[in-house]
Amino acid sequence: PELRSLKLQYSNVDVRRPTPESAIGIRCLAGQLGMLPNLQELNLGSSRLSGNLCQILCNLQAPLESLELAFCSLVPADLAFL
């Protein structure tokens, strides 16, 4: 729970073709991120997040100081959430 910086680059989950397993994985990731109250920096670079950014980040307990999303194939809904 004291973790302040986390890199989760190069996720193999392709959310552009959703499966029941990928939906469970996204919910699990969101829940685990929500259990890190001191998280300040998150790097999700090169992860296939298209359309799921809100779902992944919605459980964060505090605003991040740094969020890296390079090569994440974001869609307008992701940008609207940010």
N, C-alpha and C. Protein backbone atom coordinates (compact mmCIF):
# COMPACT_ATOMS: atom_id res chain seq x y z
N PRO A 1 0.80 -1.22 0.00
CA PRO A 1 0.00 0.00 0.00
C PRO A 1 0.84 1.28 0.00
N GLU A 2 2.13 1.18 0.27
CA GLU A 2 2.99 2.35 0.30
C GLU A 2 3.62 2.67 -1.06
N LEU A 3 3.33 1.85 -2.05
CA LEU A 3 3.92 2.03 -3.38
C LEU A 3 3.58 3.40 -3.94
N ARG A 4 4.61 4.11 -4.45
CA ARG A 4 4.41 5.45 -5.00
C ARG A 4 4.56 5.49 -6.51
N SER A 5 5.29 4.54 -7.09
CA SER A 5 5.56 4.54 -8.52
C SER A 5 5.40 3.12 -9.06
N LEU A 6 4.71 3.00 -10.21
CA LEU A 6 4.44 1.68 -10.76
C LEU A 6 4.54 1.74 -12.28
N LYS A 7 5.28 0.78 -12.86
CA LYS A 7 5.38 0.64 -14.32
C LYS A 7 4.71 -0.67 -14.72
N LEU A 8 3.71 -0.56 -15.57
CA LEU A 8 3.01 -1.73 -16.11
C LEU A 8 3.01 -1.64 -17.62
N GLN A 9 4.16 -1.61 -18.20
CA GLN A 9 4.30 -1.42 -19.64
C GLN A 9 4.07 -2.73 -20.40
N TYR A 10 3.70 -2.59 -21.65
CA TYR A 10 3.61 -3.70 -22.60
C TYR A 10 2.63 -4.78 -22.18
N SER A 11 1.44 -4.40 -21.82
CA SER A 11 0.40 -5.36 -21.48
C SER A 11 0.04 -6.19 -22.70
N ASN A 12 -0.14 -7.47 -22.51
CA ASN A 12 -0.52 -8.35 -23.61
C ASN A 12 -2.02 -8.46 -23.79
N VAL A 13 -2.79 -7.85 -22.90
CA VAL A 13 -4.24 -7.90 -23.02
C VAL A 13 -4.68 -6.93 -24.11
N ASP A 14 -5.33 -7.44 -25.13
CA ASP A 14 -5.80 -6.60 -26.22
C ASP A 14 -7.27 -6.28 -26.00
N VAL A 15 -7.56 -5.11 -25.46
CA VAL A 15 -8.93 -4.73 -25.15
C VAL A 15 -9.70 -4.28 -26.39
N ARG A 16 -9.02 -4.20 -27.51
CA ARG A 16 -9.73 -3.87 -28.75
C ARG A 16 -10.60 -5.03 -29.20
N ARG A 17 -10.28 -6.23 -28.74
CA ARG A 17 -11.08 -7.42 -29.00
C ARG A 17 -11.44 -8.02 -27.63
N PRO A 18 -12.44 -7.45 -26.97
CA PRO A 18 -12.74 -7.84 -25.60
C PRO A 18 -13.20 -9.30 -25.48
N THR A 19 -12.76 -9.91 -24.41
CA THR A 19 -13.18 -11.25 -24.04
C THR A 19 -13.61 -11.19 -22.58
N PRO A 20 -14.32 -12.19 -22.10
CA PRO A 20 -14.66 -12.20 -20.67
C PRO A 20 -13.41 -12.14 -19.78
N GLU A 21 -12.35 -12.77 -20.22
CA GLU A 21 -11.11 -12.77 -19.44
C GLU A 21 -10.48 -11.38 -19.38
N SER A 22 -10.50 -10.66 -20.50
CA SER A 22 -9.91 -9.32 -20.50
C SER A 22 -10.73 -8.37 -19.65
N ALA A 23 -12.05 -8.52 -19.65
CA ALA A 23 -12.91 -7.67 -18.80
C ALA A 23 -12.62 -7.93 -17.32
N ILE A 24 -12.43 -9.18 -16.97
CA ILE A 24 -12.08 -9.53 -15.58
C ILE A 24 -10.73 -8.94 -15.23
N GLY A 25 -9.78 -9.03 -16.15
CA GLY A 25 -8.44 -8.49 -15.92
C GLY A 25 -8.46 -6.98 -15.69
N ILE A 26 -9.26 -6.27 -16.46
CA ILE A 26 -9.36 -4.82 -16.32
C ILE A 26 -9.97 -4.47 -14.97
N ARG A 27 -11.02 -5.17 -14.57
CA ARG A 27 -11.63 -4.92 -13.26
C ARG A 27 -10.66 -5.23 -12.13
N CYS A 28 -9.91 -6.29 -12.28
CA CYS A 28 -8.92 -6.67 -11.26
C CYS A 28 -7.83 -5.61 -11.16
N LEU A 29 -7.32 -5.16 -12.30
CA LEU A 29 -6.29 -4.11 -12.31
C LEU A 29 -6.81 -2.85 -11.65
N ALA A 30 -8.02 -2.43 -12.00
CA ALA A 30 -8.61 -1.23 -11.40
C ALA A 30 -8.74 -1.38 -9.90
N GLY A 31 -9.18 -2.53 -9.44
CA GLY A 31 -9.32 -2.77 -8.02
C GLY A 31 -7.99 -2.72 -7.29
N GLN A 32 -6.97 -3.31 -7.89
CA GLN A 32 -5.65 -3.32 -7.26
C GLN A 32 -5.05 -1.92 -7.23
N LEU A 33 -5.23 -1.14 -8.29
CA LEU A 33 -4.73 0.24 -8.29
C LEU A 33 -5.44 1.05 -7.20
N GLY A 34 -6.71 0.77 -6.97
CA GLY A 34 -7.46 1.46 -5.94
C GLY A 34 -6.97 1.15 -4.53
N MET A 35 -6.19 0.10 -4.40
CA MET A 35 -5.65 -0.28 -3.08
C MET A 35 -4.28 0.34 -2.82
N LEU A 36 -3.87 1.26 -3.69
CA LEU A 36 -2.56 1.92 -3.56
C LEU A 36 -2.79 3.41 -3.28
N PRO A 37 -3.08 3.77 -2.04
CA PRO A 37 -3.45 5.16 -1.72
C PRO A 37 -2.31 6.16 -1.92
N ASN A 38 -1.07 5.70 -1.95
CA ASN A 38 0.06 6.61 -2.09
C ASN A 38 0.63 6.66 -3.51
N LEU A 39 -0.05 6.00 -4.45
CA LEU A 39 0.44 5.97 -5.82
C LEU A 39 0.48 7.39 -6.41
N GLN A 40 1.64 7.78 -6.93
CA GLN A 40 1.83 9.10 -7.50
C GLN A 40 2.20 9.05 -8.98
N GLU A 41 2.88 7.98 -9.38
CA GLU A 41 3.35 7.85 -10.76
C GLU A 41 2.91 6.50 -11.32
N LEU A 42 2.30 6.53 -12.51
CA LEU A 42 1.84 5.30 -13.15
C LEU A 42 2.25 5.34 -14.61
N ASN A 43 2.93 4.31 -15.06
CA ASN A 43 3.36 4.19 -16.44
C ASN A 43 2.66 2.98 -17.05
N LEU A 44 1.77 3.24 -17.99
CA LEU A 44 1.06 2.18 -18.71
C LEU A 44 1.47 2.16 -20.17
N GLY A 45 2.64 2.68 -20.48
CA GLY A 45 3.11 2.80 -21.86
C GLY A 45 3.04 1.50 -22.64
N SER A 46 2.67 1.61 -23.89
CA SER A 46 2.58 0.49 -24.84
C SER A 46 1.58 -0.57 -24.42
N SER A 47 0.59 -0.18 -23.64
CA SER A 47 -0.48 -1.10 -23.27
C SER A 47 -1.68 -0.83 -24.17
N ARG A 48 -2.42 -1.84 -24.47
CA ARG A 48 -3.58 -1.71 -25.36
C ARG A 48 -4.81 -1.36 -24.52
N LEU A 49 -5.01 -0.08 -24.31
CA LEU A 49 -6.05 0.38 -23.39
C LEU A 49 -7.28 0.96 -24.05
N SER A 50 -7.31 1.02 -25.34
CA SER A 50 -8.35 1.74 -26.09
C SER A 50 -9.73 1.63 -25.47
N GLY A 51 -10.26 2.78 -25.05
CA GLY A 51 -11.61 2.85 -24.54
C GLY A 51 -11.81 2.38 -23.11
N ASN A 52 -10.75 2.03 -22.42
CA ASN A 52 -10.87 1.48 -21.07
C ASN A 52 -10.15 2.29 -20.00
N LEU A 53 -9.64 3.44 -20.35
CA LEU A 53 -8.85 4.22 -19.40
C LEU A 53 -9.67 4.61 -18.17
N CYS A 54 -10.88 5.04 -18.36
CA CYS A 54 -11.74 5.42 -17.23
C CYS A 54 -11.93 4.24 -16.30
N GLN A 55 -12.23 3.09 -16.86
CA GLN A 55 -12.46 1.89 -16.06
C GLN A 55 -11.21 1.51 -15.27
N ILE A 56 -10.03 1.68 -15.86
CA ILE A 56 -8.78 1.30 -15.20
C ILE A 56 -8.40 2.28 -14.09
N LEU A 57 -8.63 3.56 -14.33
CA LEU A 57 -8.16 4.58 -13.38
C LEU A 57 -9.24 5.06 -12.40
N CYS A 58 -10.46 4.64 -12.55
CA CYS A 58 -11.56 5.19 -11.75
C CYS A 58 -11.46 4.90 -10.26
N ASN A 59 -10.72 3.89 -9.86
CA ASN A 59 -10.62 3.55 -8.44
C ASN A 59 -9.45 4.21 -7.71
N LEU A 60 -8.68 5.02 -8.42
CA LEU A 60 -7.55 5.69 -7.76
C LEU A 60 -8.06 6.57 -6.62
N GLN A 61 -7.35 6.55 -5.51
CA GLN A 61 -7.79 7.29 -4.33
C GLN A 61 -7.34 8.74 -4.34
N ALA A 62 -6.31 9.06 -5.10
CA ALA A 62 -5.80 10.43 -5.16
C ALA A 62 -5.31 10.70 -6.58
N PRO A 63 -5.26 11.96 -6.97
CA PRO A 63 -4.75 12.30 -8.30
C PRO A 63 -3.28 11.88 -8.45
N LEU A 64 -2.95 11.43 -9.64
CA LEU A 64 -1.55 11.09 -9.93
C LEU A 64 -0.76 12.35 -10.24
N GLU A 65 0.52 12.34 -9.90
CA GLU A 65 1.42 13.42 -10.31
C GLU A 65 1.92 13.19 -11.72
N SER A 66 2.02 11.90 -12.10
CA SER A 66 2.55 11.56 -13.42
C SER A 66 1.82 10.33 -13.95
N LEU A 67 1.38 10.43 -15.21
CA LEU A 67 0.72 9.31 -15.88
C LEU A 67 1.30 9.22 -17.29
N GLU A 68 1.93 8.09 -17.59
CA GLU A 68 2.51 7.91 -18.91
C GLU A 68 1.67 6.92 -19.71
N LEU A 69 1.25 7.36 -20.88
CA LEU A 69 0.37 6.57 -21.74
C LEU A 69 0.89 6.49 -23.17
N ALA A 70 2.19 6.54 -23.34
CA ALA A 70 2.77 6.50 -24.69
C ALA A 70 2.39 5.20 -25.40
N PHE A 71 1.99 5.33 -26.66
CA PHE A 71 1.66 4.19 -27.52
C PHE A 71 0.54 3.33 -26.95
N CYS A 72 -0.50 3.96 -26.40
CA CYS A 72 -1.62 3.24 -25.80
C CYS A 72 -2.86 3.19 -26.67
N SER A 73 -2.82 3.76 -27.86
CA SER A 73 -3.96 3.75 -28.77
C SER A 73 -5.24 4.27 -28.11
N LEU A 74 -5.14 5.44 -27.51
CA LEU A 74 -6.29 6.02 -26.84
C LEU A 74 -7.34 6.48 -27.84
N VAL A 75 -8.57 6.48 -27.41
CA VAL A 75 -9.69 6.92 -28.25
C VAL A 75 -10.28 8.18 -27.61
N PRO A 76 -11.16 8.89 -28.32
CA PRO A 76 -11.73 10.13 -27.76
C PRO A 76 -12.33 9.98 -26.36
N ALA A 77 -12.96 8.85 -26.06
CA ALA A 77 -13.54 8.67 -24.72
C ALA A 77 -12.46 8.67 -23.65
N ASP A 78 -11.29 8.12 -23.97
CA ASP A 78 -10.17 8.12 -23.02
C ASP A 78 -9.70 9.55 -22.76
N LEU A 79 -9.59 10.33 -23.82
CA LEU A 79 -9.14 11.71 -23.69
C LEU A 79 -10.18 12.55 -22.93
N ALA A 80 -11.45 12.29 -23.16
CA ALA A 80 -12.50 13.00 -22.44
C ALA A 80 -12.42 12.69 -20.95
N PHE A 81 -12.11 11.46 -20.59
CA PHE A 81 -11.96 11.10 -19.18
C PHE A 81 -10.81 11.86 -18.54
N LEU A 82 -9.70 11.96 -19.25
CA LEU A 82 -8.54 12.66 -18.71
C LEU A 82 -8.85 14.13 -18.50
